[in-house]
Amino acid sequence: MVVLAFIASKGLAQNVMEGKHIKYPYYASKERTDQIKNNYKKVQKGMNPQQVKLLLGKPDESTALYEPKIWNTKQIGYTHWFIIQRKCENGSVKEKDEKLVGIRYDLQWKVTVVDHWGFDEGKDK
């Protein structure tokens, strides 16, 4: 049973990482922007990626999440990124000028944290 869960979670991560390739500067369409901004607060702890996808659509990027240690770090989950704006792929925070939502999952693919950067909900719609 544990082996099947591992294989399923590994397959899910690979499918997401093989998704679209972003060209910079990147600006999501108005429909995509509205979908992300209007629905990210509906994502609850414990949800799985399929439930999140119904609210936010397919993530733009997926990355492994590691514990905050310098030496011998261990993977503790995954992060799905839903990008509204990113002006360049690399650079400082100011150069990237990102607007995005990050959804963190544990190793069992359950939401642990929902966060956003670069925009206020009341403004910038």
C-alpha atoms as a PDB file:
ATOM      1  CA  MET A   1       0.000   0.000   0.000  1.00  0.00           C
ATOM      2  CA  VAL A   2       2.800   2.438   0.915  1.00  0.00           C
ATOM      3  CA  VAL A   3       4.662   1.566  -2.290  1.00  0.00           C
ATOM      4  CA  LEU A   4       1.562   2.333  -4.374  1.00  0.00           C
ATOM      5  CA  ALA A   5       1.138   5.706  -2.644  1.00  0.00           C
ATOM      6  CA  PHE A   6       4.785   6.535  -3.338  1.00  0.00           C
ATOM      7  CA  ILE A   7       4.498   5.559  -6.997  1.00  0.00           C
ATOM      8  CA  ALA A   8       1.276   7.554  -7.383  1.00  0.00           C
ATOM      9  CA  SER A   9       2.756  10.665  -5.749  1.00  0.00           C
ATOM     10  CA  LYS A  10       5.956  10.384  -7.797  1.00  0.00           C
ATOM     11  CA  GLY A  11       3.919  10.087 -10.989  1.00  0.00           C
ATOM     12  CA  LEU A  12       1.860  13.140 -10.082  1.00  0.00           C
ATOM     13  CA  ALA A  13       4.976  15.235  -9.499  1.00  0.00           C
ATOM     14  CA  GLN A  14       6.476  14.147 -12.812  1.00  0.00           C
ATOM     15  CA  ASN A  15       3.280  14.931 -14.734  1.00  0.00           C
ATOM     16  CA  VAL A  16       3.107  18.438 -13.297  1.00  0.00           C
ATOM     17  CA  MET A  17       6.799  19.145 -13.873  1.00  0.00           C
ATOM     18  CA  GLU A  18       6.440  18.117 -17.513  1.00  0.00           C
ATOM     19  CA  GLY A  19       3.752  20.769 -17.972  1.00  0.00           C
ATOM     20  CA  LYS A  20       3.994  23.935 -19.984  1.00  0.00           C
ATOM     21  CA  HIS A  21       7.199  25.864 -20.470  1.00  0.00           C
ATOM     22  CA  ILE A  22       6.904  29.492 -19.435  1.00  0.00           C
ATOM     23  CA  LYS A  23       8.189  32.264 -21.685  1.00  0.00           C
ATOM     24  CA  TYR A  24       9.259  35.518 -20.030  1.00  0.00           C
ATOM     25  CA  PRO A  25       8.018  38.058 -19.328  1.00  0.00           C
ATOM     26  CA  TYR A  26       4.920  36.069 -18.306  1.00  0.00           C
ATOM     27  CA  TYR A  27       1.493  37.579 -17.669  1.00  0.00           C
ATOM     28  CA  ALA A  28      -1.474  35.281 -17.103  1.00  0.00           C
ATOM     29  CA  SER A  29      -4.636  35.986 -19.076  1.00  0.00           C
ATOM     30  CA  LYS A  30      -7.384  37.949 -17.330  1.00  0.00           C
ATOM     31  CA  GLU A  31      -9.427  34.743 -16.974  1.00  0.00           C
ATOM     32  CA  ARG A  32      -6.485  32.859 -15.417  1.00  0.00           C
ATOM     33  CA  THR A  33      -5.647  35.797 -13.139  1.00  0.00           C
ATOM     34  CA  ASP A  34      -9.251  36.003 -11.944  1.00  0.00           C
ATOM     35  CA  GLN A  35      -9.410  32.231 -11.387  1.00  0.00           C
ATOM     36  CA  ILE A  36      -6.317  32.299  -9.171  1.00  0.00           C
ATOM     37  CA  LYS A  37      -7.155  35.473  -7.239  1.00  0.00           C
ATOM     38  CA  ASN A  38     -10.823  34.610  -6.725  1.00  0.00           C
ATOM     39  CA  ASN A  39     -10.273  31.009  -5.633  1.00  0.00           C
ATOM     40  CA  TYR A  40      -6.976  30.637  -3.772  1.00  0.00           C
ATOM     41  CA  LYS A  41      -8.621  31.502  -0.440  1.00  0.00           C
ATOM     42  CA  LYS A  42     -10.994  28.547  -0.954  1.00  0.00           C
ATOM     43  CA  VAL A  43      -8.084  26.084  -0.800  1.00  0.00           C
ATOM     44  CA  GLN A  44      -8.115  24.400   2.615  1.00  0.00           C
ATOM     45  CA  LYS A  45      -5.517  22.436   4.581  1.00  0.00           C
ATOM     46  CA  GLY A  46      -5.857  18.729   3.871  1.00  0.00           C
ATOM     47  CA  MET A  47      -7.078  19.091   0.276  1.00  0.00           C
ATOM     48  CA  ASN A  48      -5.373  16.991  -2.406  1.00  0.00           C
ATOM     49  CA  PRO A  49      -3.990  18.278  -5.753  1.00  0.00           C
ATOM     50  CA  GLN A  50      -7.101  17.236  -7.683  1.00  0.00           C
ATOM     51  CA  GLN A  51      -9.311  19.330  -5.388  1.00  0.00           C
ATOM     52  CA  VAL A  52      -6.945  22.299  -5.741  1.00  0.00           C
ATOM     53  CA  LYS A  53      -6.926  21.896  -9.535  1.00  0.00           C
ATOM     54  CA  LEU A  54     -10.719  22.251  -9.603  1.00  0.00           C
ATOM     55  CA  LEU A  55     -10.327  25.671  -7.962  1.00  0.00           C
ATOM     56  CA  LEU A  56      -7.097  27.019  -9.491  1.00  0.00           C
ATOM     57  CA  GLY A  57      -6.505  24.994 -12.634  1.00  0.00           C
ATOM     58  CA  LYS A  58      -3.231  23.283 -13.490  1.00  0.00           C
ATOM     59  CA  PRO A  59      -0.181  24.634 -11.637  1.00  0.00           C
ATOM     60  CA  ASP A  60       2.382  26.527 -13.687  1.00  0.00           C
ATOM     61  CA  GLU A  61       5.337  25.007 -11.821  1.00  0.00           C
ATOM     62  CA  SER A  62       5.993  22.282  -9.267  1.00  0.00           C
ATOM     63  CA  THR A  63       9.018  22.044  -6.998  1.00  0.00           C
ATOM     64  CA  ALA A  64      10.175  19.735  -4.236  1.00  0.00           C
ATOM     65  CA  LEU A  65       9.939  21.215  -0.723  1.00  0.00           C
ATOM     66  CA  TYR A  66      12.806  20.598   1.703  1.00  0.00           C
ATOM     67  CA  GLU A  67      13.115  21.144   5.431  1.00  0.00           C
ATOM     68  CA  PRO A  68      14.822  24.450   6.339  1.00  0.00           C
ATOM     69  CA  LYS A  69      18.237  23.037   7.274  1.00  0.00           C
ATOM     70  CA  ILE A  70      21.611  23.684   5.719  1.00  0.00           C
ATOM     71  CA  TRP A  71      23.062  20.175   5.961  1.00  0.00           C
ATOM     72  CA  ASN A  72      21.436  16.839   5.153  1.00  0.00           C
ATOM     73  CA  THR A  73      18.078  18.291   4.277  1.00  0.00           C
ATOM     74  CA  LYS A  74      15.197  15.928   3.645  1.00  0.00           C
ATOM     75  CA  GLN A  75      12.295  16.409   1.303  1.00  0.00           C
ATOM     76  CA  ILE A  76       9.147  17.201   3.276  1.00  0.00           C
ATOM     77  CA  GLY A  77       6.710  17.819   0.440  1.00  0.00           C
ATOM     78  CA  TYR A  78       5.993  19.702  -2.769  1.00  0.00           C
ATOM     79  CA  THR A  79       4.984  23.214  -3.815  1.00  0.00           C
ATOM     80  CA  HIS A  80       2.697  24.065  -6.715  1.00  0.00           C
ATOM     81  CA  TRP A  81       3.042  27.574  -8.103  1.00  0.00           C
ATOM     82  CA  PHE A  82       0.177  29.420  -9.798  1.00  0.00           C
ATOM     83  CA  ILE A  83       1.768  32.386 -11.549  1.00  0.00           C
ATOM     84  CA  ILE A  84      -0.066  35.596 -12.369  1.00  0.00           C
ATOM     85  CA  GLN A  85       3.019  37.601 -13.326  1.00  0.00           C
ATOM     86  CA  ARG A  86       6.771  37.057 -13.513  1.00  0.00           C
ATOM     87  CA  LYS A  87       8.844  39.506 -15.547  1.00  0.00           C
ATOM     88  CA  CYS A  88      11.970  37.359 -15.806  1.00  0.00           C
ATOM     89  CA  GLU A  89      13.022  33.803 -14.973  1.00  0.00           C
ATOM     90  CA  ASN A  90      16.069  34.723 -12.881  1.00  0.00           C
ATOM     91  CA  GLY A  91      17.037  37.766 -10.894  1.00  0.00           C
ATOM     92  CA  SER A  92      16.278  39.621  -7.711  1.00  0.00           C
ATOM     93  CA  VAL A  93      12.819  39.858  -6.169  1.00  0.00           C
ATOM     94  CA  LYS A  94      12.518  43.342  -7.648  1.00  0.00           C
ATOM     95  CA  GLU A  95      13.621  42.202 -11.129  1.00  0.00           C
ATOM     96  CA  LYS A  96      11.202  39.261 -11.163  1.00  0.00           C
ATOM     97  CA  ASP A  97       8.308  41.405  -9.882  1.00  0.00           C
ATOM     98  CA  GLU A  98       6.231  38.284  -9.236  1.00  0.00           C
ATOM     99  CA  LYS A  99       2.559  37.920  -8.443  1.00  0.00           C
ATOM    100  CA  LEU A 100       1.761  34.324  -7.568  1.00  0.00           C
ATOM    101  CA  VAL A 101       0.148  31.801  -5.250  1.00  0.00           C
ATOM    102  CA  GLY A 102       2.085  28.945  -3.668  1.00  0.00           C
ATOM    103  CA  ILE A 103       0.348  25.817  -2.412  1.00  0.00           C
ATOM    104  CA  ARG A 104       2.513  23.555  -0.231  1.00  0.00           C
ATOM    105  CA  TYR A 105       1.789  19.858   0.197  1.00  0.00           C
ATOM    106  CA  ASP A 106       3.231  17.253   2.544  1.00  0.00           C
ATOM    107  CA  LEU A 107       4.618  13.975   1.203  1.00  0.00           C
ATOM    108  CA  GLN A 108       1.114  12.478   1.223  1.00  0.00           C
ATOM    109  CA  TRP A 109      -0.044  15.269  -1.127  1.00  0.00           C
ATOM    110  CA  LYS A 110      -2.239  17.038   1.442  1.00  0.00           C
ATOM    111  CA  VAL A 111      -2.253  20.873   1.491  1.00  0.00           C
ATOM    112  CA  THR A 112      -0.329  22.294   4.448  1.00  0.00           C
ATOM    113  CA  VAL A 113       0.107  25.980   3.497  1.00  0.00           C
ATOM    114  CA  VAL A 114      -1.544  28.430   1.097  1.00  0.00           C
ATOM    115  CA  ASP A 115       0.324  31.679   0.478  1.00  0.00           C
ATOM    116  CA  HIS A 116       0.450  34.517  -2.027  1.00  0.00           C
ATOM    117  CA  TRP A 117       2.998  37.144  -3.055  1.00  0.00           C
ATOM    118  CA  GLY A 118       2.928  40.427  -4.915  1.00  0.00           C
ATOM    119  CA  PHE A 119      -0.735  41.363  -4.746  1.00  0.00           C
ATOM    120  CA  ASP A 120      -3.414  42.505  -2.339  1.00  0.00           C
ATOM    121  CA  GLU A 121      -6.781  40.824  -2.617  1.00  0.00           C
ATOM    122  CA  GLY A 122      -8.722  44.088  -2.380  1.00  0.00           C
ATOM    123  CA  LYS A 123      -6.590  45.956  -4.916  1.00  0.00           C
ATOM    124  CA  ASP A 124      -4.930  44.853  -8.121  1.00  0.00           C
ATOM    125  CA  LYS A 125      -7.838  42.835  -9.572  1.00  0.00           C
END
